[in-house]
Amino acid sequence: MQVECPNCHKAYTIPGVRLLWRRKGAFRCPNCKAPVPFDWSRNRNKTASAPDGAEAPAEGGAPTGNFLKDRIVRSVRDLPPMPQIVDEARRIMADPNSSFGDLAKLFETDQAIAARVLKLANSAYYGISGQVASIQHAAVVLGQKALGELLTLASASALLSRKLTGYRLAAGDLWHHSLAVASGARAVARMRRPELAEDAFAAGLIHDAGKLILDGYVKQEEAAFGEFLKDSQRMWLDAEREILGFDHSEIAADVCERWKIPAHLATAIRFHHFPSQAEDSDLAYVVHLADATAMMIGIGTGLDGMRYRLDSTAMPFLGIHDEHLSNVMSEAIDFTTRTTQDASPA
């Protein structure tokens, strides 16, 4: 929608999704601060409605990108906070005086998490399929580090298994892609930044959580996305930013605060498409390269996968060469295939 400030005559383009809840109103001109009226009903026969779970903004709110982003983050209802058990488990694992038993007892306080942990522990990837009958047994057989990994997977599995119609991802596609990126990021880190291996796995697992939040909005503006992407030189992220005012990686990073994710992981998630824009974040480069690798091998790619661009500085920055990528691909395929064979998200 095109509007013009009546005072300074500066023209603005306002994507329809920013006017989801109101037919008409006004916003303050960033140039001269004068009110700029708009009337969306003249441009659209039917007023768009917010996706389920979103709340109407207060009268007089300015329909800017930041406004919509703040509203979306505040109104997210489909993404609950990460279970309290995750925070407690991290505390236990960070305590040098803790034991396998302490961690196992914590798992057993949440039966839903415990069930998913056991399902994953018995998957083909860990080589003990059908042999683990209790959390205590899993702790002893797998060790604390692997048990911590299982906790992360179990917490994310149900969340990431949804069907995303806006992004053209079938049920389970995002889960598979997230597993590939998580394992690929860990593999990259082990080669060049071994101290980041576990953080790389965690960041890779939830790097695309923003798609869960934006899917309804993307679906609602399907025609606008299609028109914008007729230009083959444009990236999917360009479309998100033009039509929504922000992209899924920004939203994911903002929601990390709700989940109490450490700041350096949130930074890597925010810049995982453009790691060179992140200051002092090797982790952003690691997740970016793993994401690009997962796209190359076609694991869980949706509409946006066809427009993915590898940052030309990523491989030189990490000291990764083509022969290394083959190993990353193999790790991603193996981990994703074997983890999901017997442990699809519940």
C-alpha atoms as a PDB file:
ATOM      1  CA  MET A   1       0.000   0.000   0.000  1.00  0.00           C
ATOM      2  CA  GLN A   2       1.373   3.434  -0.982  1.00  0.00           C
ATOM      3  CA  VAL A   3       0.787   6.421   1.312  1.00  0.00           C
ATOM      4  CA  GLU A   4       2.140   9.959   1.349  1.00  0.00           C
ATOM      5  CA  CYS A   5       2.737  12.294   4.258  1.00  0.00           C
ATOM      6  CA  PRO A   6       0.380  15.300   3.808  1.00  0.00           C
ATOM      7  CA  ASN A   7       2.943  17.583   5.469  1.00  0.00           C
ATOM      8  CA  CYS A   8       6.346  16.762   3.913  1.00  0.00           C
ATOM      9  CA  HIS A   9       4.993  14.611   1.037  1.00  0.00           C
ATOM     10  CA  LYS A  10       7.434  11.771   1.688  1.00  0.00           C
ATOM     11  CA  ALA A  11       6.080   8.529   0.212  1.00  0.00           C
ATOM     12  CA  TYR A  12       5.932   5.232   2.124  1.00  0.00           C
ATOM     13  CA  THR A  13       5.143   1.656   1.141  1.00  0.00           C
ATOM     14  CA  ILE A  14       3.307  -0.222   3.888  1.00  0.00           C
ATOM     15  CA  PRO A  15       2.974  -4.010   3.370  1.00  0.00           C
ATOM     16  CA  GLY A  16      -0.568  -5.197   4.020  1.00  0.00           C
ATOM     17  CA  VAL A  17       0.452  -7.552   6.788  1.00  0.00           C
ATOM     18  CA  ARG A  18       1.395  -4.563   8.937  1.00  0.00           C
ATOM     19  CA  LEU A  19      -2.250  -3.477   8.855  1.00  0.00           C
ATOM     20  CA  LEU A  20      -3.656  -6.828   9.882  1.00  0.00           C
ATOM     21  CA  TRP A  21      -6.057  -5.566  12.522  1.00  0.00           C
ATOM     22  CA  ARG A  22      -7.269  -2.127  11.350  1.00  0.00           C
ATOM     23  CA  ARG A  23      -9.005  -0.792   8.239  1.00  0.00           C
ATOM     24  CA  LYS A  24      -7.927   2.792   8.747  1.00  0.00           C
ATOM     25  CA  GLY A  25      -5.850   4.915  11.070  1.00  0.00           C
ATOM     26  CA  ALA A  26      -2.637   6.941  11.100  1.00  0.00           C
ATOM     27  CA  PHE A  27       1.021   6.612  11.915  1.00  0.00           C
ATOM     28  CA  ARG A  28       3.656   9.250  12.669  1.00  0.00           C
ATOM     29  CA  CYS A  29       5.866  10.218   9.732  1.00  0.00           C
ATOM     30  CA  PRO A  30       9.495   9.292  10.563  1.00  0.00           C
ATOM     31  CA  ASN A  31      10.648  12.292   8.506  1.00  0.00           C
ATOM     32  CA  CYS A  32       8.608  15.213   9.881  1.00  0.00           C
ATOM     33  CA  LYS A  33       6.642  13.556  12.732  1.00  0.00           C
ATOM     34  CA  ALA A  34       3.294  14.621  11.268  1.00  0.00           C
ATOM     35  CA  PRO A  35       0.395  12.105  11.299  1.00  0.00           C
ATOM     36  CA  VAL A  36       0.040  10.116   8.065  1.00  0.00           C
ATOM     37  CA  PRO A  37      -3.476   8.702   7.566  1.00  0.00           C
ATOM     38  CA  PHE A  38      -4.130   5.412   5.802  1.00  0.00           C
ATOM     39  CA  ASP A  39      -7.287   3.634   4.673  1.00  0.00           C
ATOM     40  CA  TRP A  40      -6.657  -0.038   3.971  1.00  0.00           C
ATOM     41  CA  SER A  41     -10.317  -0.691   3.107  1.00  0.00           C
ATOM     42  CA  ARG A  42      -9.821   1.187  -0.169  1.00  0.00           C
ATOM     43  CA  ASN A  43      -7.096  -1.252  -1.178  1.00  0.00           C
ATOM     44  CA  ARG A  44      -8.603  -4.498  -0.018  1.00  0.00           C
ATOM     45  CA  ASN A  45     -12.191  -5.680  -0.094  1.00  0.00           C
ATOM     46  CA  LYS A  46     -11.805  -7.716   3.024  1.00  0.00           C
ATOM     47  CA  THR A  47      -9.751  -6.724   6.030  1.00  0.00           C
ATOM     48  CA  ALA A  48      -7.083  -9.245   6.893  1.00  0.00           C
ATOM     49  CA  SER A  49      -7.375 -10.903  10.239  1.00  0.00           C
ATOM     50  CA  ALA A  50      -4.537 -11.855  12.501  1.00  0.00           C
ATOM     51  CA  PRO A  51      -3.541 -15.513  12.616  1.00  0.00           C
ATOM     52  CA  ASP A  52      -5.008 -17.493  15.484  1.00  0.00           C
ATOM     53  CA  GLY A  53      -3.570 -16.450  18.821  1.00  0.00           C
ATOM     54  CA  ALA A  54      -2.689 -12.856  17.897  1.00  0.00           C
ATOM     55  CA  GLU A  55      -4.313  -9.973  19.723  1.00  0.00           C
ATOM     56  CA  ALA A  56      -5.493  -6.701  18.250  1.00  0.00           C
ATOM     57  CA  PRO A  57      -3.210  -3.767  19.024  1.00  0.00           C
ATOM     58  CA  ALA A  58      -4.355  -0.801  21.033  1.00  0.00           C
ATOM     59  CA  GLU A  59      -6.057   1.978  19.047  1.00  0.00           C
ATOM     60  CA  GLY A  60      -3.523   4.454  17.730  1.00  0.00           C
ATOM     61  CA  GLY A  61      -0.633   1.977  17.487  1.00  0.00           C
ATOM     62  CA  ALA A  62       1.754   2.674  14.619  1.00  0.00           C
ATOM     63  CA  PRO A  63       1.841  -0.100  11.977  1.00  0.00           C
ATOM     64  CA  THR A  64       5.609  -0.338  11.673  1.00  0.00           C
ATOM     65  CA  GLY A  65       7.791  -3.429  11.312  1.00  0.00           C
ATOM     66  CA  ASN A  66       8.978  -3.153  14.911  1.00  0.00           C
ATOM     67  CA  PHE A  67       5.398  -2.713  16.057  1.00  0.00           C
ATOM     68  CA  LEU A  68       4.268  -5.943  14.401  1.00  0.00           C
ATOM     69  CA  LYS A  69       7.359  -7.819  15.559  1.00  0.00           C
ATOM     70  CA  ASP A  70       6.831  -6.760  19.168  1.00  0.00           C
ATOM     71  CA  ARG A  71       3.156  -7.681  18.921  1.00  0.00           C
ATOM     72  CA  ILE A  72       3.942 -11.116  17.504  1.00  0.00           C
ATOM     73  CA  VAL A  73       6.579 -11.895  20.135  1.00  0.00           C
ATOM     74  CA  ARG A  74       4.230 -10.797  22.937  1.00  0.00           C
ATOM     75  CA  SER A  75       1.280 -12.742  21.578  1.00  0.00           C
ATOM     76  CA  VAL A  76       3.034 -16.030  20.844  1.00  0.00           C
ATOM     77  CA  ARG A  77       0.843 -18.694  22.420  1.00  0.00           C
ATOM     78  CA  ASP A  78       1.770 -21.745  20.409  1.00  0.00           C
ATOM     79  CA  LEU A  79       5.369 -21.738  21.596  1.00  0.00           C
ATOM     80  CA  PRO A  80       5.479 -22.367  25.334  1.00  0.00           C
ATOM     81  CA  PRO A  81       8.597 -21.572  27.307  1.00  0.00           C
ATOM     82  CA  MET A  82      11.161 -24.352  27.256  1.00  0.00           C
ATOM     83  CA  PRO A  83      10.290 -26.680  30.135  1.00  0.00           C
ATOM     84  CA  GLN A  84      11.697 -25.642  33.503  1.00  0.00           C
ATOM     85  CA  ILE A  85      13.413 -29.020  33.563  1.00  0.00           C
ATOM     86  CA  VAL A  86      15.784 -27.826  30.803  1.00  0.00           C
ATOM     87  CA  ASP A  87      17.101 -24.931  32.887  1.00  0.00           C
ATOM     88  CA  GLU A  88      17.527 -27.176  35.904  1.00  0.00           C
ATOM     89  CA  ALA A  89      19.334 -29.820  33.843  1.00  0.00           C
ATOM     90  CA  ARG A  90      21.777 -27.223  32.525  1.00  0.00           C
ATOM     91  CA  ARG A  91      22.506 -26.180  36.113  1.00  0.00           C
ATOM     92  CA  ILE A  92      23.148 -29.782  37.167  1.00  0.00           C
ATOM     93  CA  MET A  93      25.430 -30.486  34.199  1.00  0.00           C
ATOM     94  CA  ALA A  94      27.424 -27.331  34.922  1.00  0.00           C
ATOM     95  CA  ASP A  95      27.998 -28.445  38.528  1.00  0.00           C
ATOM     96  CA  PRO A  96      31.215 -30.515  38.778  1.00  0.00           C
ATOM     97  CA  ASN A  97      29.852 -32.156  41.931  1.00  0.00           C
ATOM     98  CA  SER A  98      26.702 -33.466  40.221  1.00  0.00           C
ATOM     99  CA  SER A  99      26.234 -37.083  39.184  1.00  0.00           C
ATOM    100  CA  PHE A 100      24.395 -39.112  36.558  1.00  0.00           C
ATOM    101  CA  GLY A 101      21.849 -39.941  39.226  1.00  0.00           C
ATOM    102  CA  ASP A 102      21.051 -36.272  39.878  1.00  0.00           C
ATOM    103  CA  LEU A 103      20.277 -35.730  36.212  1.00  0.00           C
ATOM    104  CA  ALA A 104      18.270 -38.943  35.916  1.00  0.00           C
ATOM    105  CA  LYS A 105      16.134 -38.057  38.945  1.00  0.00           C
ATOM    106  CA  LEU A 106      15.347 -34.683  37.372  1.00  0.00           C
ATOM    107  CA  PHE A 107      14.226 -36.298  34.108  1.00  0.00           C
ATOM    108  CA  GLU A 108      11.876 -38.566  36.019  1.00  0.00           C
ATOM    109  CA  THR A 109       9.981 -35.564  37.427  1.00  0.00           C
ATOM    110  CA  ASP A 110       8.582 -34.824  33.960  1.00  0.00           C
ATOM    111  CA  GLN A 111       7.017 -37.936  32.457  1.00  0.00           C
ATOM    112  CA  ALA A 112       6.458 -36.393  29.018  1.00  0.00           C
ATOM    113  CA  ILE A 113      10.133 -35.468  28.725  1.00  0.00           C
ATOM    114  CA  ALA A 114      11.192 -38.810  30.232  1.00  0.00           C
ATOM    115  CA  ALA A 115       9.164 -40.730  27.647  1.00  0.00           C
ATOM    116  CA  ARG A 116      10.735 -38.823  24.748  1.00  0.00           C
ATOM    117  CA  VAL A 117      14.222 -39.259  26.200  1.00  0.00           C
ATOM    118  CA  LEU A 118      13.741 -43.031  26.413  1.00  0.00           C
ATOM    119  CA  LYS A 119      12.381 -43.126  22.871  1.00  0.00           C
ATOM    120  CA  LEU A 120      15.407 -41.272  21.579  1.00  0.00           C
ATOM    121  CA  ALA A 121      17.853 -43.276  23.707  1.00  0.00           C
ATOM    122  CA  ASN A 122      16.534 -46.439  22.059  1.00  0.00           C
ATOM    123  CA  SER A 123      16.880 -45.046  18.539  1.00  0.00           C
ATOM    124  CA  ALA A 124      19.330 -46.626  16.119  1.00  0.00           C
ATOM    125  CA  TYR A 125      21.764 -43.726  16.367  1.00  0.00           C
ATOM    126  CA  TYR A 126      22.862 -44.579  19.907  1.00  0.00           C
ATOM    127  CA  GLY A 127      23.365 -48.257  19.101  1.00  0.00           C
ATOM    128  CA  ILE A 128      21.379 -49.606  22.068  1.00  0.00           C
ATOM    129  CA  SER A 129      17.943 -49.894  20.495  1.00  0.00           C
ATOM    130  CA  GLY A 130      15.445 -51.687  22.720  1.00  0.00           C
ATOM    131  CA  GLN A 131      17.873 -52.018  25.626  1.00  0.00           C
ATOM    132  CA  VAL A 132      17.237 -48.845  27.662  1.00  0.00           C
ATOM    133  CA  ALA A 133      14.311 -49.256  30.044  1.00  0.00           C
ATOM    134  CA  SER A 134      14.887 -46.394  32.495  1.00  0.00           C
ATOM    135  CA  ILE A 135      16.351 -42.911  32.722  1.00  0.00           C
ATOM    136  CA  GLN A 136      18.909 -44.216  35.226  1.00  0.00           C
ATOM    137  CA  HIS A 137      20.023 -46.834  32.711  1.00  0.00           C
ATOM    138  CA  ALA A 138      20.244 -44.213  29.956  1.00  0.00           C
ATOM    139  CA  ALA A 139      22.427 -42.036  32.203  1.00  0.00           C
ATOM    140  CA  VAL A 140      24.849 -44.888  32.880  1.00  0.00           C
ATOM    141  CA  VAL A 141      25.001 -46.268  29.333  1.00  0.00           C
ATOM    142  CA  LEU A 142      25.124 -42.974  27.439  1.00  0.00           C
ATOM    143  CA  GLY A 143      26.937 -40.685  29.854  1.00  0.00           C
ATOM    144  CA  GLN A 144      26.075 -37.180  30.986  1.00  0.00           C
ATOM    145  CA  LYS A 145      26.947 -35.383  27.754  1.00  0.00           C
ATOM    146  CA  ALA A 146      24.783 -37.643  25.590  1.00  0.00           C
ATOM    147  CA  LEU A 147      21.980 -37.474  28.141  1.00  0.00           C
ATOM    148  CA  GLY A 148      22.120 -33.676  27.970  1.00  0.00           C
ATOM    149  CA  GLU A 149      21.868 -33.908  24.185  1.00  0.00           C
ATOM    150  CA  LEU A 150      18.824 -36.144  24.530  1.00  0.00           C
ATOM    151  CA  LEU A 151      17.205 -33.603  26.825  1.00  0.00           C
ATOM    152  CA  THR A 152      17.643 -30.891  24.188  1.00  0.00           C
ATOM    153  CA  LEU A 153      16.227 -33.154  21.484  1.00  0.00           C
ATOM    154  CA  ALA A 154      13.293 -34.302  23.590  1.00  0.00           C
ATOM    155  CA  SER A 155      12.362 -30.727  24.501  1.00  0.00           C
ATOM    156  CA  ALA A 156      12.388 -29.609  20.870  1.00  0.00           C
ATOM    157  CA  SER A 157      10.956 -32.650  19.072  1.00  0.00           C
ATOM    158  CA  ALA A 158       7.227 -32.009  19.507  1.00  0.00           C
ATOM    159  CA  LEU A 159       7.675 -28.291  18.864  1.00  0.00           C
ATOM    160  CA  LEU A 160       9.530 -28.708  15.567  1.00  0.00           C
ATOM    161  CA  SER A 161       7.397 -31.476  14.076  1.00  0.00           C
ATOM    162  CA  ARG A 162       4.512 -29.282  12.945  1.00  0.00           C
ATOM    163  CA  LYS A 163       3.286 -28.788   9.414  1.00  0.00           C
ATOM    164  CA  LEU A 164       4.053 -25.272   8.135  1.00  0.00           C
ATOM    165  CA  THR A 165       1.812 -24.475   5.192  1.00  0.00           C
ATOM    166  CA  GLY A 166       3.183 -20.976   4.600  1.00  0.00           C
ATOM    167  CA  TYR A 167       6.711 -22.322   4.150  1.00  0.00           C
ATOM    168  CA  ARG A 168       5.474 -25.478   2.350  1.00  0.00           C
ATOM    169  CA  LEU A 169       6.951 -27.783   4.973  1.00  0.00           C
ATOM    170  CA  ALA A 170       5.183 -31.069   5.647  1.00  0.00           C
ATOM    171  CA  ALA A 171       4.856 -32.382   9.201  1.00  0.00           C
ATOM    172  CA  GLY A 172       8.321 -33.467  10.310  1.00  0.00           C
ATOM    173  CA  ASP A 173      10.254 -31.530   7.637  1.00  0.00           C
ATOM    174  CA  LEU A 174      11.387 -28.790  10.008  1.00  0.00           C
ATOM    175  CA  TRP A 175      12.309 -31.423  12.616  1.00  0.00           C
ATOM    176  CA  HIS A 176      14.485 -33.295  10.116  1.00  0.00           C
ATOM    177  CA  HIS A 177      16.103 -30.084   8.876  1.00  0.00           C
ATOM    178  CA  SER A 178      16.795 -28.975  12.448  1.00  0.00           C
ATOM    179  CA  LEU A 179      18.425 -32.315  13.266  1.00  0.00           C
ATOM    180  CA  ALA A 180      20.618 -32.031  10.171  1.00  0.00           C
ATOM    181  CA  VAL A 181      21.706 -28.493  11.044  1.00  0.00           C
ATOM    182  CA  ALA A 182      22.312 -29.372  14.702  1.00  0.00           C
ATOM    183  CA  SER A 183      24.497 -32.378  13.871  1.00  0.00           C
ATOM    184  CA  GLY A 184      26.211 -30.557  11.004  1.00  0.00           C
ATOM    185  CA  ALA A 185      26.980 -27.556  13.215  1.00  0.00           C
ATOM    186  CA  ARG A 186      28.471 -29.838  15.838  1.00  0.00           C
ATOM    187  CA  ALA A 187      30.595 -31.543  13.185  1.00  0.00           C
ATOM    188  CA  VAL A 188      31.884 -28.181  11.872  1.00  0.00           C
ATOM    189  CA  ALA A 189      32.650 -27.000  15.397  1.00  0.00           C
ATOM    190  CA  ARG A 190      34.553 -30.166  16.251  1.00  0.00           C
ATOM    191  CA  MET A 191      36.798 -29.579  13.230  1.00  0.00           C
ATOM    192  CA  ARG A 192      37.707 -25.966  13.919  1.00  0.00           C
ATOM    193  CA  ARG A 193      36.062 -24.705  17.143  1.00  0.00           C
ATOM    194  CA  PRO A 194      35.734 -27.791  19.395  1.00  0.00           C
ATOM    195  CA  GLU A 195      34.849 -25.708  22.452  1.00  0.00           C
ATOM    196  CA  LEU A 196      31.659 -24.634  20.637  1.00  0.00           C
ATOM    197  CA  ALA A 197      30.471 -28.146  19.725  1.00  0.00           C
ATOM    198  CA  GLU A 198      27.621 -28.469  22.234  1.00  0.00           C
ATOM    199  CA  ASP A 199      26.481 -24.862  21.811  1.00  0.00           C
ATOM    200  CA  ALA A 200      26.544 -25.389  18.039  1.00  0.00           C
ATOM    201  CA  PHE A 201      24.261 -28.401  18.384  1.00  0.00           C
ATOM    202  CA  ALA A 202      21.771 -26.471  20.552  1.00  0.00           C
ATOM    203  CA  ALA A 203      21.748 -23.381  18.311  1.00  0.00           C
ATOM    204  CA  GLY A 204      21.401 -25.496  15.177  1.00  0.00           C
ATOM    205  CA  LEU A 205      18.434 -27.329  16.635  1.00  0.00           C
ATOM    206  CA  ILE A 206      16.334 -24.175  17.172  1.00  0.00           C
ATOM    207  CA  HIS A 207      17.798 -21.852  14.516  1.00  0.00           C
ATOM    208  CA  ASP A 208      14.568 -21.848  12.470  1.00  0.00           C
ATOM    209  CA  ALA A 209      12.061 -21.625  15.336  1.00  0.00           C
ATOM    210  CA  GLY A 210      10.978 -18.259  13.921  1.00  0.00           C
ATOM    211  CA  LYS A 211       9.243 -20.073  11.074  1.00  0.00           C
ATOM    212  CA  LEU A 212       6.848 -21.632  13.571  1.00  0.00           C
ATOM    213  CA  ILE A 213       5.803 -18.147  14.618  1.00  0.00           C
ATOM    214  CA  LEU A 214       5.605 -16.505  11.191  1.00  0.00           C
ATOM    215  CA  ASP A 215       4.016 -19.354   9.236  1.00  0.00           C
ATOM    216  CA  GLY A 216       0.465 -18.023   9.591  1.00  0.00           C
ATOM    217  CA  TYR A 217       1.500 -14.566   8.435  1.00  0.00           C
ATOM    218  CA  VAL A 218       3.462 -15.966   5.483  1.00  0.00           C
ATOM    219  CA  LYS A 219       0.460 -18.069   4.451  1.00  0.00           C
ATOM    220  CA  GLN A 220      -1.827 -15.053   4.714  1.00  0.00           C
ATOM    221  CA  GLU A 221       0.432 -13.048   2.389  1.00  0.00           C
ATOM    222  CA  GLU A 222       1.069 -15.942  -0.013  1.00  0.00           C
ATOM    223  CA  ALA A 223       0.210 -13.886  -3.091  1.00  0.00           C
ATOM    224  CA  ALA A 224       2.534 -11.053  -2.056  1.00  0.00           C
ATOM    225  CA  PHE A 225       5.396 -13.504  -1.500  1.00  0.00           C
ATOM    226  CA  GLY A 226       4.796 -15.108  -4.878  1.00  0.00           C
ATOM    227  CA  GLU A 227       4.824 -11.753  -6.650  1.00  0.00           C
ATOM    228  CA  PHE A 228       7.964 -10.561  -4.871  1.00  0.00           C
ATOM    229  CA  LEU A 229       9.870 -13.760  -5.646  1.00  0.00           C
ATOM    230  CA  LYS A 230       9.179 -13.629  -9.374  1.00  0.00           C
ATOM    231  CA  ASP A 231      12.568 -11.933  -9.482  1.00  0.00           C
ATOM    232  CA  SER A 232      14.927 -14.912  -9.243  1.00  0.00           C
ATOM    233  CA  GLN A 233      17.675 -12.744  -7.735  1.00  0.00           C
ATOM    234  CA  ARG A 234      15.675 -12.095  -4.580  1.00  0.00           C
ATOM    235  CA  MET A 235      16.124 -14.220  -1.471  1.00  0.00           C
ATOM    236  CA  TRP A 236      13.310 -15.528   0.692  1.00  0.00           C
ATOM    237  CA  LEU A 237      14.595 -13.381   3.544  1.00  0.00           C
ATOM    238  CA  ASP A 238      14.282 -10.337   1.267  1.00  0.00           C
ATOM    239  CA  ALA A 239      10.600 -11.198   0.876  1.00  0.00           C
ATOM    240  CA  GLU A 240      10.064 -11.595   4.614  1.00  0.00           C
ATOM    241  CA  ARG A 241      11.690  -8.250   5.315  1.00  0.00           C
ATOM    242  CA  GLU A 242       9.839  -6.438   2.540  1.00  0.00           C
ATOM    243  CA  ILE A 243       6.395  -7.879   3.271  1.00  0.00           C
ATOM    244  CA  LEU A 244       6.557  -8.413   7.038  1.00  0.00           C
ATOM    245  CA  GLY A 245       9.223  -5.899   7.993  1.00  0.00           C
ATOM    246  CA  PHE A 246      11.552  -8.507   9.562  1.00  0.00           C
ATOM    247  CA  ASP A 247      12.631 -12.100   8.989  1.00  0.00           C
ATOM    248  CA  HIS A 248      12.250 -15.403  10.820  1.00  0.00           C
ATOM    249  CA  SER A 249      15.773 -15.331  12.254  1.00  0.00           C
ATOM    250  CA  GLU A 250      15.075 -12.009  14.005  1.00  0.00           C
ATOM    251  CA  ILE A 251      11.866 -13.358  15.517  1.00  0.00           C
ATOM    252  CA  ALA A 252      13.611 -16.563  16.633  1.00  0.00           C
ATOM    253  CA  ALA A 253      16.336 -14.567  18.390  1.00  0.00           C
ATOM    254  CA  ASP A 254      13.740 -12.439  20.188  1.00  0.00           C
ATOM    255  CA  VAL A 255      11.842 -15.511  21.342  1.00  0.00           C
ATOM    256  CA  CYS A 256      15.105 -16.951  22.716  1.00  0.00           C
ATOM    257  CA  GLU A 257      14.734 -14.461  25.555  1.00  0.00           C
ATOM    258  CA  ARG A 258      11.383 -16.044  26.417  1.00  0.00           C
ATOM    259  CA  TRP A 259      13.100 -19.420  26.471  1.00  0.00           C
ATOM    260  CA  LYS A 260      16.038 -18.082  28.550  1.00  0.00           C
ATOM    261  CA  ILE A 261      18.492 -19.163  25.866  1.00  0.00           C
ATOM    262  CA  PRO A 262      22.049 -17.820  26.481  1.00  0.00           C
ATOM    263  CA  ALA A 263      22.749 -14.564  24.638  1.00  0.00           C
ATOM    264  CA  HIS A 264      25.585 -15.935  22.482  1.00  0.00           C
ATOM    265  CA  LEU A 265      23.265 -18.644  21.124  1.00  0.00           C
ATOM    266  CA  ALA A 266      20.578 -16.051  20.380  1.00  0.00           C
ATOM    267  CA  THR A 267      23.153 -13.956  18.488  1.00  0.00           C
ATOM    268  CA  ALA A 268      24.168 -16.942  16.365  1.00  0.00           C
ATOM    269  CA  ILE A 269      20.510 -17.627  15.565  1.00  0.00           C
ATOM    270  CA  ARG A 270      19.835 -13.978  14.681  1.00  0.00           C
ATOM    271  CA  PHE A 271      22.737 -13.880  12.213  1.00  0.00           C
ATOM    272  CA  HIS A 272      22.765 -17.458  10.947  1.00  0.00           C
ATOM    273  CA  HIS A 273      21.933 -16.269   7.411  1.00  0.00           C
ATOM    274  CA  PHE A 274      24.456 -13.408   7.424  1.00  0.00           C
ATOM    275  CA  PRO A 275      27.204 -14.377   9.889  1.00  0.00           C
ATOM    276  CA  SER A 276      29.598 -11.656   8.707  1.00  0.00           C
ATOM    277  CA  GLN A 277      27.163  -9.113  10.189  1.00  0.00           C
ATOM    278  CA  ALA A 278      27.610 -10.554  13.682  1.00  0.00           C
ATOM    279  CA  GLU A 279      30.508  -9.179  15.674  1.00  0.00           C
ATOM    280  CA  ASP A 280      32.756 -11.808  17.266  1.00  0.00           C
ATOM    281  CA  SER A 281      30.363 -14.723  16.710  1.00  0.00           C
ATOM    282  CA  ASP A 282      32.162 -17.782  15.411  1.00  0.00           C
ATOM    283  CA  LEU A 283      29.008 -19.688  16.312  1.00  0.00           C
ATOM    284  CA  ALA A 284      26.983 -17.745  13.724  1.00  0.00           C
ATOM    285  CA  TYR A 285      29.394 -18.914  11.007  1.00  0.00           C
ATOM    286  CA  VAL A 286      29.202 -22.505  12.257  1.00  0.00           C
ATOM    287  CA  VAL A 287      25.382 -22.594  12.210  1.00  0.00           C
ATOM    288  CA  HIS A 288      25.259 -20.810   8.846  1.00  0.00           C
ATOM    289  CA  LEU A 289      27.566 -23.343   7.196  1.00  0.00           C
ATOM    290  CA  ALA A 290      25.602 -26.242   8.674  1.00  0.00           C
ATOM    291  CA  ASP A 291      22.325 -24.709   7.505  1.00  0.00           C
ATOM    292  CA  ALA A 292      23.664 -24.249   3.987  1.00  0.00           C
ATOM    293  CA  THR A 293      24.942 -27.830   3.979  1.00  0.00           C
ATOM    294  CA  ALA A 294      21.531 -29.182   5.028  1.00  0.00           C
ATOM    295  CA  MET A 295      19.977 -27.182   2.190  1.00  0.00           C
ATOM    296  CA  MET A 296      22.510 -28.604  -0.288  1.00  0.00           C
ATOM    297  CA  ILE A 297      21.567 -32.172   0.579  1.00  0.00           C
ATOM    298  CA  GLY A 298      17.853 -31.360   0.596  1.00  0.00           C
ATOM    299  CA  ILE A 299      16.908 -32.238   4.166  1.00  0.00           C
ATOM    300  CA  GLY A 300      13.695 -30.464   5.156  1.00  0.00           C
ATOM    301  CA  THR A 301      13.888 -27.739   2.525  1.00  0.00           C
ATOM    302  CA  GLY A 302      10.768 -25.673   1.951  1.00  0.00           C
ATOM    303  CA  LEU A 303      10.076 -22.727  -0.316  1.00  0.00           C
ATOM    304  CA  ASP A 304      12.936 -20.733   1.169  1.00  0.00           C
ATOM    305  CA  GLY A 305      15.497 -23.462   0.536  1.00  0.00           C
ATOM    306  CA  MET A 306      15.571 -22.732  -3.174  1.00  0.00           C
ATOM    307  CA  ARG A 307      16.813 -19.180  -2.506  1.00  0.00           C
ATOM    308  CA  TYR A 308      19.541 -19.905   0.038  1.00  0.00           C
ATOM    309  CA  ARG A 309      22.910 -18.222  -0.395  1.00  0.00           C
ATOM    310  CA  LEU A 310      26.135 -19.334   1.240  1.00  0.00           C
ATOM    311  CA  ASP A 311      28.075 -16.425   2.734  1.00  0.00           C
ATOM    312  CA  SER A 312      31.317 -16.358   0.737  1.00  0.00           C
ATOM    313  CA  THR A 313      33.312 -15.556   3.876  1.00  0.00           C
ATOM    314  CA  ALA A 314      32.057 -18.542   5.897  1.00  0.00           C
ATOM    315  CA  MET A 315      34.369 -21.325   4.700  1.00  0.00           C
ATOM    316  CA  PRO A 316      37.550 -19.195   4.700  1.00  0.00           C
ATOM    317  CA  PHE A 317      36.677 -17.806   8.144  1.00  0.00           C
ATOM    318  CA  LEU A 318      36.311 -21.295   9.602  1.00  0.00           C
ATOM    319  CA  GLY A 319      39.152 -22.808   7.588  1.00  0.00           C
ATOM    320  CA  ILE A 320      36.747 -25.331   6.041  1.00  0.00           C
ATOM    321  CA  HIS A 321      37.384 -26.803   2.579  1.00  0.00           C
ATOM    322  CA  ASP A 322      35.244 -28.816   0.166  1.00  0.00           C
ATOM    323  CA  GLU A 323      36.571 -32.126   1.451  1.00  0.00           C
ATOM    324  CA  HIS A 324      35.486 -31.133   4.974  1.00  0.00           C
ATOM    325  CA  LEU A 325      31.957 -30.454   3.743  1.00  0.00           C
ATOM    326  CA  SER A 326      31.642 -34.070   2.633  1.00  0.00           C
ATOM    327  CA  ASN A 327      32.215 -35.155   6.225  1.00  0.00           C
ATOM    328  CA  VAL A 328      29.672 -32.626   7.507  1.00  0.00           C
ATOM    329  CA  MET A 329      27.108 -33.885   5.000  1.00  0.00           C
ATOM    330  CA  SER A 330      27.716 -37.494   6.012  1.00  0.00           C
ATOM    331  CA  GLU A 331      27.319 -36.656   9.699  1.00  0.00           C
ATOM    332  CA  ALA A 332      24.085 -34.734   9.059  1.00  0.00           C
ATOM    333  CA  ILE A 333      22.565 -37.511   6.957  1.00  0.00           C
ATOM    334  CA  ASP A 334      23.606 -40.262   9.363  1.00  0.00           C
ATOM    335  CA  PHE A 335      22.420 -38.478  12.499  1.00  0.00           C
ATOM    336  CA  THR A 336      19.087 -37.404  10.979  1.00  0.00           C
ATOM    337  CA  THR A 337      18.324 -40.789   9.440  1.00  0.00           C
ATOM    338  CA  ARG A 338      19.271 -42.921  12.422  1.00  0.00           C
ATOM    339  CA  THR A 339      17.759 -40.597  15.047  1.00  0.00           C
ATOM    340  CA  THR A 340      14.389 -40.495  13.283  1.00  0.00           C
ATOM    341  CA  GLN A 341      14.179 -44.169  12.260  1.00  0.00           C
ATOM    342  CA  ASP A 342      12.863 -45.292  15.633  1.00  0.00           C
ATOM    343  CA  ALA A 343      12.191 -41.959  17.303  1.00  0.00           C
ATOM    344  CA  SER A 344       9.919 -39.770  15.199  1.00  0.00           C
ATOM    345  CA  PRO A 345       8.498 -36.810  17.161  1.00  0.00           C
ATOM    346  CA  ALA A 346       5.569 -37.753  19.377  1.00  0.00           C
END
